[in-house]
PDB file of N, CA and C in Angstrom:
ATOM      1  N   UNK A   1     -18.113  42.540  -7.068  1.00  0.00           N
ATOM      2  CA  UNK A   1     -18.203  41.315  -7.826  1.00  0.00           C
ATOM      3  C   UNK A   1     -17.032  41.170  -8.795  1.00  0.00           C
ATOM      4  N   UNK A   2     -16.589  42.300  -9.356  1.00  0.00           N
ATOM      5  CA  UNK A   2     -15.473  42.252 -10.292  1.00  0.00           C
ATOM      6  C   UNK A   2     -14.212  41.746  -9.606  1.00  0.00           C
ATOM      7  N   UNK A   3     -14.027  42.085  -8.331  1.00  0.00           N
ATOM      8  CA  UNK A   3     -12.849  41.625  -7.607  1.00  0.00           C
ATOM      9  C   UNK A   3     -12.862  40.121  -7.405  1.00  0.00           C
ATOM     10  N   UNK A   4     -14.041  39.531  -7.271  1.00  0.00           N
ATOM     11  CA  UNK A   4     -14.142  38.090  -7.095  1.00  0.00           C
ATOM     12  C   UNK A   4     -13.740  37.342  -8.359  1.00  0.00           C
ATOM     13  N   UNK A   5     -13.989  37.935  -9.516  1.00  0.00           N
ATOM     14  CA  UNK A   5     -13.685  37.278 -10.784  1.00  0.00           C
ATOM     15  C   UNK A   5     -12.233  37.481 -11.217  1.00  0.00           C
ATOM     16  N   UNK A   6     -11.546  38.410 -10.558  1.00  0.00           N
ATOM     17  CA  UNK A   6     -10.152  38.656 -10.927  1.00  0.00           C
ATOM     18  C   UNK A   6      -9.329  37.409 -10.591  1.00  0.00           C
ATOM     19  N   UNK A   7      -8.522  36.959 -11.527  1.00  0.00           N
ATOM     20  CA  UNK A   7      -7.720  35.759 -11.305  1.00  0.00           C
ATOM     21  C   UNK A   7      -8.415  34.486 -11.759  1.00  0.00           C
ATOM     22  N   UNK A   8      -9.667  34.567 -12.132  1.00  0.00           N
ATOM     23  CA  UNK A   8     -10.396  33.407 -12.633  1.00  0.00           C
ATOM     24  C   UNK A   8     -10.406  33.484 -14.150  1.00  0.00           C
ATOM     25  N   UNK A   9      -9.968  32.411 -14.781  1.00  0.00           N
ATOM     26  CA  UNK A   9      -9.893  32.394 -16.243  1.00  0.00           C
ATOM     27  C   UNK A   9     -11.170  31.821 -16.834  1.00  0.00           C
ATOM     28  N   UNK A  10     -11.521  32.308 -18.008  1.00  0.00           N
ATOM     29  CA  UNK A  10     -12.658  31.742 -18.720  1.00  0.00           C
ATOM     30  C   UNK A  10     -12.261  30.373 -19.263  1.00  0.00           C
ATOM     31  N   UNK A  11     -13.232  29.623 -19.717  1.00  0.00           N
ATOM     32  CA  UNK A  11     -12.962  28.304 -20.290  1.00  0.00           C
ATOM     33  C   UNK A  11     -12.047  28.441 -21.497  1.00  0.00           C
ATOM     34  N   UNK A  12     -12.279  29.440 -22.324  1.00  0.00           N
ATOM     35  CA  UNK A  12     -11.452  29.658 -23.505  1.00  0.00           C
ATOM     36  C   UNK A  12     -10.012  29.997 -23.115  1.00  0.00           C
ATOM     37  N   UNK A  13      -9.857  30.827 -22.084  1.00  0.00           N
ATOM     38  CA  UNK A  13      -8.517  31.183 -21.622  1.00  0.00           C
ATOM     39  C   UNK A  13      -7.800  29.960 -21.050  1.00  0.00           C
ATOM     40  N   UNK A  14      -8.527  29.128 -20.291  1.00  0.00           N
ATOM     41  CA  UNK A  14      -7.947  27.894 -19.740  1.00  0.00           C
ATOM     42  C   UNK A  14      -7.488  26.973 -20.863  1.00  0.00           C
ATOM     43  N   UNK A  15      -8.317  26.828 -21.900  1.00  0.00           N
ATOM     44  CA  UNK A  15      -7.971  25.966 -23.022  1.00  0.00           C
ATOM     45  C   UNK A  15      -6.764  26.505 -23.772  1.00  0.00           C
ATOM     46  N   UNK A  16      -6.702  27.813 -23.974  1.00  0.00           N
ATOM     47  CA  UNK A  16      -5.565  28.415 -24.668  1.00  0.00           C
ATOM     48  C   UNK A  16      -4.284  28.234 -23.850  1.00  0.00           C
ATOM     49  N   UNK A  17      -4.389  28.404 -22.539  1.00  0.00           N
ATOM     50  CA  UNK A  17      -3.231  28.222 -21.667  1.00  0.00           C
ATOM     51  C   UNK A  17      -2.759  26.773 -21.684  1.00  0.00           C
ATOM     52  N   UNK A  18      -3.684  25.846 -21.641  1.00  0.00           N
ATOM     53  CA  UNK A  18      -3.329  24.422 -21.684  1.00  0.00           C
ATOM     54  C   UNK A  18      -2.675  24.068 -23.025  1.00  0.00           C
ATOM     55  N   UNK A  19      -3.178  24.613 -24.116  1.00  0.00           N
ATOM     56  CA  UNK A  19      -2.585  24.366 -25.437  1.00  0.00           C
ATOM     57  C   UNK A  19      -1.144  24.876 -25.481  1.00  0.00           C
ATOM     58  N   UNK A  20      -0.897  26.037 -24.870  1.00  0.00           N
ATOM     59  CA  UNK A  20       0.467  26.577 -24.813  1.00  0.00           C
ATOM     60  C   UNK A  20       1.367  25.679 -23.975  1.00  0.00           C
ATOM     61  N   UNK A  21       0.853  25.177 -22.852  1.00  0.00           N
ATOM     62  CA  UNK A  21       1.641  24.272 -22.008  1.00  0.00           C
ATOM     63  C   UNK A  21       2.007  23.001 -22.759  1.00  0.00           C
ATOM     64  N   UNK A  22       1.038  22.425 -23.466  1.00  0.00           N
ATOM     65  CA  UNK A  22       1.280  21.198 -24.225  1.00  0.00           C
ATOM     66  C   UNK A  22       2.319  21.454 -25.316  1.00  0.00           C
ATOM     67  N   UNK A  23       2.183  22.561 -26.033  1.00  0.00           N
ATOM     68  CA  UNK A  23       3.127  22.889 -27.098  1.00  0.00           C
ATOM     69  C   UNK A  23       4.534  23.098 -26.533  1.00  0.00           C
ATOM     70  N   UNK A  24       4.640  23.772 -25.394  1.00  0.00           N
ATOM     71  CA  UNK A  24       5.950  23.989 -24.780  1.00  0.00           C
ATOM     72  C   UNK A  24       6.565  22.663 -24.350  1.00  0.00           C
ATOM     73  N   UNK A  25       5.770  21.804 -23.709  1.00  0.00           N
ATOM     74  CA  UNK A  25       6.281  20.495 -23.287  1.00  0.00           C
ATOM     75  C   UNK A  25       6.729  19.659 -24.481  1.00  0.00           C
ATOM     76  N   UNK A  26       5.971  19.703 -25.554  1.00  0.00           N
ATOM     77  CA  UNK A  26       6.325  18.951 -26.759  1.00  0.00           C
ATOM     78  C   UNK A  26       7.632  19.479 -27.340  1.00  0.00           C
ATOM     79  N   UNK A  27       7.828  20.790 -27.308  1.00  0.00           N
ATOM     80  CA  UNK A  27       9.048  21.390 -27.850  1.00  0.00           C
ATOM     81  C   UNK A  27      10.267  21.018 -27.010  1.00  0.00           C
ATOM     82  N   UNK A  28      10.060  20.727 -25.726  1.00  0.00           N
ATOM     83  CA  UNK A  28      11.170  20.371 -24.846  1.00  0.00           C
ATOM     84  C   UNK A  28      11.608  18.922 -25.024  1.00  0.00           C
ATOM     85  N   UNK A  29      10.782  18.099 -25.650  1.00  0.00           N
ATOM     86  CA  UNK A  29      11.105  16.690 -25.830  1.00  0.00           C
ATOM     87  C   UNK A  29      12.166  16.526 -26.911  1.00  0.00           C
ATOM     88  N   UNK A  30      13.088  15.587 -26.699  1.00  0.00           N
ATOM     89  CA  UNK A  30      14.098  15.346 -27.739  1.00  0.00           C
ATOM     90  C   UNK A  30      13.459  14.860 -29.037  1.00  0.00           C
ATOM     91  N   UNK A  31      14.016  15.286 -30.145  1.00  0.00           N
ATOM     92  CA  UNK A  31      13.564  14.812 -31.457  1.00  0.00           C
ATOM     93  C   UNK A  31      14.378  13.565 -31.795  1.00  0.00           C
ATOM     94  N   UNK A  32      13.737  12.555 -32.351  1.00  0.00           N
ATOM     95  CA  UNK A  32      14.401  11.287 -32.643  1.00  0.00           C
ATOM     96  C   UNK A  32      14.446  11.054 -34.146  1.00  0.00           C
ATOM     97  N   UNK A  33      15.494  10.375 -34.582  1.00  0.00           N
ATOM     98  CA  UNK A  33      15.558   9.904 -35.969  1.00  0.00           C
ATOM     99  C   UNK A  33      16.189   8.510 -35.940  1.00  0.00           C
ATOM    100  N   UNK A  34      15.961   7.759 -36.985  1.00  0.00           N
ATOM    101  CA  UNK A  34      16.536   6.415 -37.060  1.00  0.00           C
ATOM    102  C   UNK A  34      18.053   6.525 -37.128  1.00  0.00           C
ATOM    103  N   UNK A  35      18.731   5.648 -36.411  1.00  0.00           N
ATOM    104  CA  UNK A  35      20.196   5.625 -36.488  1.00  0.00           C
ATOM    105  C   UNK A  35      20.604   4.869 -37.740  1.00  0.00           C
ATOM    106  N   UNK A  36      21.640   5.339 -38.385  1.00  0.00           N
ATOM    107  CA  UNK A  36      22.143   4.700 -39.603  1.00  0.00           C
ATOM    108  C   UNK A  36      23.598   4.292 -39.395  1.00  0.00           C
ATOM    109  N   UNK A  37      23.966   3.204 -40.040  1.00  0.00           N
ATOM    110  CA  UNK A  37      25.366   2.766 -39.959  1.00  0.00           C
ATOM    111  C   UNK A  37      26.203   3.587 -40.942  1.00  0.00           C
ATOM    112  N   UNK A  38      27.498   3.285 -41.041  1.00  0.00           N
ATOM    113  CA  UNK A  38      28.336   4.111 -41.921  1.00  0.00           C
ATOM    114  C   UNK A  38      28.005   3.971 -43.393  1.00  0.00           C
ATOM    115  N   UNK A  39      27.275   2.900 -43.758  1.00  0.00           N
ATOM    116  CA  UNK A  39      26.851   2.739 -45.148  1.00  0.00           C
ATOM    117  C   UNK A  39      25.510   3.411 -45.422  1.00  0.00           C
ATOM    118  N   UNK A  40      24.948   4.043 -44.390  1.00  0.00           N
ATOM    119  CA  UNK A  40      23.676   4.738 -44.553  1.00  0.00           C
ATOM    120  C   UNK A  40      22.461   3.856 -44.360  1.00  0.00           C
ATOM    121  N   UNK A  41      22.655   2.604 -43.942  1.00  0.00           N
ATOM    122  CA  UNK A  41      21.532   1.693 -43.713  1.00  0.00           C
ATOM    123  C   UNK A  41      20.970   1.911 -42.315  1.00  0.00           C
ATOM    124  N   UNK A  42      19.654   1.818 -42.203  1.00  0.00           N
ATOM    125  CA  UNK A  42      18.979   1.987 -40.919  1.00  0.00           C
ATOM    126  C   UNK A  42      19.354   0.836 -39.987  1.00  0.00           C
ATOM    127  N   UNK A  43      19.716   1.188 -38.751  1.00  0.00           N
ATOM    128  CA  UNK A  43      20.008   0.187 -37.725  1.00  0.00           C
ATOM    129  C   UNK A  43      18.676  -0.118 -37.036  1.00  0.00           C
ATOM    130  N   UNK A  44      18.158  -1.346 -37.155  1.00  0.00           N
ATOM    131  CA  UNK A  44      16.853  -1.664 -36.568  1.00  0.00           C
ATOM    132  C   UNK A  44      16.848  -1.481 -35.047  1.00  0.00           C
ATOM    133  N   UNK A  45      15.764  -0.884 -34.546  1.00  0.00           N
ATOM    134  CA  UNK A  45      15.599  -0.723 -33.109  1.00  0.00           C
ATOM    135  C   UNK A  45      16.575   0.243 -32.478  1.00  0.00           C
ATOM    136  N   UNK A  46      17.075   1.206 -33.248  1.00  0.00           N
ATOM    137  CA  UNK A  46      18.072   2.144 -32.723  1.00  0.00           C
ATOM    138  C   UNK A  46      17.779   3.545 -33.264  1.00  0.00           C
ATOM    139  N   UNK A  47      17.829   4.538 -32.360  1.00  0.00           N
ATOM    140  CA  UNK A  47      17.521   5.913 -32.724  1.00  0.00           C
ATOM    141  C   UNK A  47      18.563   6.847 -32.146  1.00  0.00           C
ATOM    142  N   UNK A  48      18.647   8.051 -32.726  1.00  0.00           N
ATOM    143  CA  UNK A  48      19.528   9.098 -32.230  1.00  0.00           C
ATOM    144  C   UNK A  48      18.681  10.342 -32.028  1.00  0.00           C
ATOM    145  N   UNK A  49      18.892  11.016 -30.892  1.00  0.00           N
ATOM    146  CA  UNK A  49      18.160  12.255 -30.644  1.00  0.00           C
ATOM    147  C   UNK A  49      18.900  13.414 -31.291  1.00  0.00           C
ATOM    148  N   UNK A  50      18.210  14.545 -31.389  1.00  0.00           N
ATOM    149  CA  UNK A  50      18.836  15.728 -31.977  1.00  0.00           C
ATOM    150  C   UNK A  50      20.014  16.231 -31.146  1.00  0.00           C
ATOM    151  N   UNK A  51      20.097  15.814 -29.885  1.00  0.00           N
ATOM    152  CA  UNK A  51      21.220  16.218 -29.038  1.00  0.00           C
ATOM    153  C   UNK A  51      22.313  15.152 -28.967  1.00  0.00           C
ATOM    154  N   UNK A  52      22.193  14.067 -29.753  1.00  0.00           N
ATOM    155  CA  UNK A  52      23.262  13.079 -29.865  1.00  0.00           C
ATOM    156  C   UNK A  52      23.143  11.853 -28.978  1.00  0.00           C
ATOM    157  N   UNK A  53      22.081  11.747 -28.187  1.00  0.00           N
ATOM    158  CA  UNK A  53      21.894  10.553 -27.363  1.00  0.00           C
ATOM    159  C   UNK A  53      21.446   9.392 -28.250  1.00  0.00           C
ATOM    160  N   UNK A  54      21.967   8.202 -27.986  1.00  0.00           N
ATOM    161  CA  UNK A  54      21.570   7.013 -28.727  1.00  0.00           C
ATOM    162  C   UNK A  54      20.652   6.185 -27.852  1.00  0.00           C
ATOM    163  N   UNK A  55      19.520   5.784 -28.424  1.00  0.00           N
ATOM    164  CA  UNK A  55      18.551   4.943 -27.727  1.00  0.00           C
ATOM    165  C   UNK A  55      18.412   3.660 -28.529  1.00  0.00           C
ATOM    166  N   UNK A  56      18.605   2.529 -27.865  1.00  0.00           N
ATOM    167  CA  UNK A  56      18.490   1.236 -28.536  1.00  0.00           C
ATOM    168  C   UNK A  56      17.498   0.359 -27.789  1.00  0.00           C
ATOM    169  N   UNK A  57      16.678  -0.360 -28.536  1.00  0.00           N
ATOM    170  CA  UNK A  57      15.745  -1.298 -27.930  1.00  0.00           C
ATOM    171  C   UNK A  57      16.344  -2.692 -28.019  1.00  0.00           C
ATOM    172  N   UNK A  58      16.414  -3.343 -26.873  1.00  0.00           N
ATOM    173  CA  UNK A  58      16.917  -4.714 -26.827  1.00  0.00           C
ATOM    174  C   UNK A  58      15.807  -5.610 -26.297  1.00  0.00           C
ATOM    175  N   UNK A  59      15.920  -6.888 -26.483  1.00  0.00           N
ATOM    176  CA  UNK A  59      14.936  -7.850 -25.977  1.00  0.00           C
ATOM    177  C   UNK A  59      15.689  -8.928 -25.219  1.00  0.00           C
ATOM    178  N   UNK A  60      15.703  -8.803 -23.900  1.00  0.00           N
ATOM    179  CA  UNK A  60      16.478  -9.714 -23.063  1.00  0.00           C
ATOM    180  C   UNK A  60      15.684 -10.246 -21.880  1.00  0.00           C
ATOM    181  N   UNK A  61      14.734 -11.046 -21.884  1.00  0.00           N
ATOM    182  CA  UNK A  61      13.864 -11.425 -22.999  1.00  0.00           C
ATOM    183  C   UNK A  61      12.779 -10.383 -23.266  1.00  0.00           C
ATOM    184  N   UNK A  62      12.528  -9.466 -22.296  1.00  0.00           N
ATOM    185  CA  UNK A  62      11.533  -8.416 -22.530  1.00  0.00           C
ATOM    186  C   UNK A  62      12.196  -7.212 -23.195  1.00  0.00           C
ATOM    187  N   UNK A  63      11.359  -6.364 -23.786  1.00  0.00           N
ATOM    188  CA  UNK A  63      11.891  -5.150 -24.412  1.00  0.00           C
ATOM    189  C   UNK A  63      12.461  -4.232 -23.332  1.00  0.00           C
ATOM    190  N   UNK A  64      13.635  -3.696 -23.608  1.00  0.00           N
ATOM    191  CA  UNK A  64      14.294  -2.756 -22.705  1.00  0.00           C
ATOM    192  C   UNK A  64      14.995  -1.727 -23.570  1.00  0.00           C
ATOM    193  N   UNK A  65      15.001  -0.490 -23.085  1.00  0.00           N
ATOM    194  CA  UNK A  65      15.653   0.590 -23.817  1.00  0.00           C
ATOM    195  C   UNK A  65      16.937   0.979 -23.099  1.00  0.00           C
ATOM    196  N   UNK A  66      18.016   1.091 -23.857  1.00  0.00           N
ATOM    197  CA  UNK A  66      19.286   1.561 -23.313  1.00  0.00           C
ATOM    198  C   UNK A  66      19.534   2.957 -23.868  1.00  0.00           C
ATOM    199  N   UNK A  67      20.128   3.815 -23.038  1.00  0.00           N
ATOM    200  CA  UNK A  67      20.388   5.200 -23.446  1.00  0.00           C
ATOM    201  C   UNK A  67      21.868   5.485 -23.241  1.00  0.00           C
ATOM    202  N   UNK A  68      22.517   5.944 -24.301  1.00  0.00           N
ATOM    203  CA  UNK A  68      23.950   6.250 -24.258  1.00  0.00           C
ATOM    204  C   UNK A  68      24.144   7.731 -24.540  1.00  0.00           C
ATOM    205  N   UNK A  69      25.005   8.354 -23.758  1.00  0.00           N
ATOM    206  CA  UNK A  69      25.305   9.783 -23.942  1.00  0.00           C
ATOM    207  C   UNK A  69      26.036  10.012 -25.269  1.00  0.00           C
ATOM    208  N   UNK A  70      25.974  11.237 -25.773  1.00  0.00           N
ATOM    209  CA  UNK A  70      26.717  11.561 -26.989  1.00  0.00           C
ATOM    210  C   UNK A  70      28.208  11.248 -26.804  1.00  0.00           C
ATOM    211  N   UNK A  71      28.777  10.513 -27.723  1.00  0.00           N
ATOM    212  CA  UNK A  71      30.180  10.144 -27.658  1.00  0.00           C
ATOM    213  C   UNK A  71      30.479   9.020 -26.678  1.00  0.00           C
ATOM    214  N   UNK A  72      29.440   8.534 -25.980  1.00  0.00           N
ATOM    215  CA  UNK A  72      29.633   7.473 -24.997  1.00  0.00           C
ATOM    216  C   UNK A  72      29.734   6.104 -25.648  1.00  0.00           C
ATOM    217  N   UNK A  73      30.258   5.161 -24.881  1.00  0.00           N
ATOM    218  CA  UNK A  73      30.408   3.791 -25.360  1.00  0.00           C
ATOM    219  C   UNK A  73      29.383   2.885 -24.686  1.00  0.00           C
ATOM    220  N   UNK A  74      29.179   3.101 -23.381  1.00  0.00           N
ATOM    221  CA  UNK A  74      28.253   2.274 -22.612  1.00  0.00           C
ATOM    222  C   UNK A  74      27.018   3.075 -22.224  1.00  0.00           C
ATOM    223  N   UNK A  75      25.867   2.409 -22.123  1.00  0.00           N
ATOM    224  CA  UNK A  75      24.653   3.107 -21.699  1.00  0.00           C
ATOM    225  C   UNK A  75      24.774   3.627 -20.268  1.00  0.00           C
ATOM    226  N   UNK A  76      24.150   4.766 -20.010  1.00  0.00           N
ATOM    227  CA  UNK A  76      24.110   5.297 -18.654  1.00  0.00           C
ATOM    228  C   UNK A  76      22.765   5.006 -17.998  1.00  0.00           C
ATOM    229  N   UNK A  77      21.768   4.619 -18.801  1.00  0.00           N
ATOM    230  CA  UNK A  77      20.438   4.354 -18.245  1.00  0.00           C
ATOM    231  C   UNK A  77      19.756   3.236 -19.019  1.00  0.00           C
ATOM    232  N   UNK A  78      18.899   2.539 -18.294  1.00  0.00           N
ATOM    233  CA  UNK A  78      18.086   1.463 -18.862  1.00  0.00           C
ATOM    234  C   UNK A  78      16.662   1.661 -18.368  1.00  0.00           C
ATOM    235  N   UNK A  79      15.695   1.363 -19.208  1.00  0.00           N
ATOM    236  CA  UNK A  79      14.306   1.431 -18.774  1.00  0.00           C
ATOM    237  C   UNK A  79      13.477   0.434 -19.571  1.00  0.00           C
ATOM    238  N   UNK A  80      12.442  -0.075 -18.936  1.00  0.00           N
ATOM    239  CA  UNK A  80      11.505  -0.970 -19.614  1.00  0.00           C
ATOM    240  C   UNK A  80      10.400  -0.186 -20.314  1.00  0.00           C
ATOM    241  N   UNK A  81      10.261   1.092 -19.971  1.00  0.00           N
ATOM    242  CA  UNK A  81       9.173   1.901 -20.497  1.00  0.00           C
ATOM    243  C   UNK A  81       9.667   2.953 -21.482  1.00  0.00           C
ATOM    244  N   UNK A  82       9.183   2.876 -22.689  1.00  0.00           N
ATOM    245  CA  UNK A  82       9.567   3.834 -23.725  1.00  0.00           C
ATOM    246  C   UNK A  82       9.245   5.265 -23.309  1.00  0.00           C
ATOM    247  N   UNK A  83       8.147   5.439 -22.573  1.00  0.00           N
ATOM    248  CA  UNK A  83       7.716   6.772 -22.153  1.00  0.00           C
ATOM    249  C   UNK A  83       8.711   7.438 -21.206  1.00  0.00           C
ATOM    250  N   UNK A  84       9.567   6.655 -20.536  1.00  0.00           N
ATOM    251  CA  UNK A  84      10.539   7.211 -19.599  1.00  0.00           C
ATOM    252  C   UNK A  84      11.804   7.722 -20.293  1.00  0.00           C
ATOM    253  N   UNK A  85      12.033   7.312 -21.522  1.00  0.00           N
ATOM    254  CA  UNK A  85      13.279   7.665 -22.221  1.00  0.00           C
ATOM    255  C   UNK A  85      13.474   9.188 -22.319  1.00  0.00           C
ATOM    256  N   UNK A  86      12.493   9.968 -22.804  1.00  0.00           N
ATOM    257  CA  UNK A  86      12.716  11.420 -22.887  1.00  0.00           C
ATOM    258  C   UNK A  86      13.015  12.053 -21.527  1.00  0.00           C
ATOM    259  N   UNK A  87      12.342  11.601 -20.478  1.00  0.00           N
ATOM    260  CA  UNK A  87      12.576  12.166 -19.139  1.00  0.00           C
ATOM    261  C   UNK A  87      13.990  11.847 -18.656  1.00  0.00           C
ATOM    262  N   UNK A  88      14.472  10.650 -18.923  1.00  0.00           N
ATOM    263  CA  UNK A  88      15.826  10.278 -18.516  1.00  0.00           C
ATOM    264  C   UNK A  88      16.876  11.110 -19.264  1.00  0.00           C
ATOM    265  N   UNK A  89      16.650  11.327 -20.545  1.00  0.00           N
ATOM    266  CA  UNK A  89      17.580  12.140 -21.337  1.00  0.00           C
ATOM    267  C   UNK A  89      17.564  13.590 -20.846  1.00  0.00           C
ATOM    268  N   UNK A  90      16.367  14.132 -20.634  1.00  0.00           N
ATOM    269  CA  UNK A  90      16.238  15.514 -20.161  1.00  0.00           C
ATOM    270  C   UNK A  90      16.918  15.690 -18.813  1.00  0.00           C
ATOM    271  N   UNK A  91      16.718  14.731 -17.896  1.00  0.00           N
ATOM    272  CA  UNK A  91      17.355  14.804 -16.576  1.00  0.00           C
ATOM    273  C   UNK A  91      18.873  14.734 -16.700  1.00  0.00           C
ATOM    274  N   UNK A  92      19.372  13.876 -17.583  1.00  0.00           N
ATOM    275  CA  UNK A  92      20.819  13.762 -17.763  1.00  0.00           C
ATOM    276  C   UNK A  92      21.393  15.052 -18.343  1.00  0.00           C
ATOM    277  N   UNK A  93      20.693  15.642 -19.275  1.00  0.00           N
ATOM    278  CA  UNK A  93      21.161  16.898 -19.863  1.00  0.00           C
ATOM    279  C   UNK A  93      21.196  17.995 -18.794  1.00  0.00           C
ATOM    280  N   UNK A  94      20.168  18.062 -17.969  1.00  0.00           N
ATOM    281  CA  UNK A  94      20.116  19.080 -16.905  1.00  0.00           C
ATOM    282  C   UNK A  94      21.253  18.866 -15.912  1.00  0.00           C
ATOM    283  N   UNK A  95      21.504  17.603 -15.538  1.00  0.00           N
ATOM    284  CA  UNK A  95      22.594  17.301 -14.609  1.00  0.00           C
ATOM    285  C   UNK A  95      23.940  17.661 -15.230  1.00  0.00           C
ATOM    286  N   UNK A  96      24.092  17.414 -16.512  1.00  0.00           N
ATOM    287  CA  UNK A  96      25.340  17.726 -17.209  1.00  0.00           C
ATOM    288  C   UNK A  96      25.579  19.234 -17.206  1.00  0.00           C
ATOM    289  N   UNK A  97      24.525  20.005 -17.403  1.00  0.00           N
ATOM    290  CA  UNK A  97      24.649  21.462 -17.402  1.00  0.00           C
ATOM    291  C   UNK A  97      25.028  21.948 -16.013  1.00  0.00           C
ATOM    292  N   UNK A  98      24.434  21.345 -14.977  1.00  0.00           N
ATOM    293  CA  UNK A  98      24.744  21.755 -13.601  1.00  0.00           C
ATOM    294  C   UNK A  98      26.193  21.439 -13.242  1.00  0.00           C
ATOM    295  N   UNK A  99      26.686  20.268 -13.654  1.00  0.00           N
ATOM    296  CA  UNK A  99      28.032  19.858 -13.244  1.00  0.00           C
ATOM    297  C   UNK A  99      29.132  20.476 -14.109  1.00  0.00           C
ATOM    298  N   UNK A 100      28.818  20.800 -15.362  1.00  0.00           N
ATOM    299  CA  UNK A 100      29.856  21.363 -16.231  1.00  0.00           C
ATOM    300  C   UNK A 100      29.653  22.846 -16.516  1.00  0.00           C
ATOM    301  N   UNK A 101      28.543  23.390 -16.034  1.00  0.00           N
ATOM    302  CA  UNK A 101      28.256  24.796 -16.327  1.00  0.00           C
ATOM    303  C   UNK A 101      27.889  25.018 -17.772  1.00  0.00           C
ATOM    304  N   UNK A 102      27.412  23.944 -18.456  1.00  0.00           N
ATOM    305  CA  UNK A 102      27.000  24.057 -19.843  1.00  0.00           C
ATOM    306  C   UNK A 102      28.117  23.849 -20.834  1.00  0.00           C
ATOM    307  N   UNK A 103      29.301  23.527 -20.349  1.00  0.00           N
ATOM    308  CA  UNK A 103      30.445  23.292 -21.239  1.00  0.00           C
ATOM    309  C   UNK A 103      30.493  21.824 -21.600  1.00  0.00           C
ATOM    310  N   UNK A 104      30.554  21.534 -22.884  1.00  0.00           N
ATOM    311  CA  UNK A 104      30.578  20.137 -23.338  1.00  0.00           C
ATOM    312  C   UNK A 104      31.936  19.510 -23.144  1.00  0.00           C
TER     313      UNK A 104
END
């Protein structure tokens, strides 16, 4: 009987494992802060991630998010869904690491 239970987690173990997964996923998400102009004023509808990506919300006529790479001039991605922004940034960062070997 003990062999049958091997590999089966208790409810508490499952919950602890899920909490760790959620915490790890949250830690992988980019951190955002309001973008400020050179005078230190907040730029409405514009944010910067901790890795330097700029995200701006535009309304043309619906809300759309543009994502610009660090040091970039033009957006590399557009999305209508705010929830897709972190995934697009993460994918771009991963692709950048693959193509440059992690060299900026």
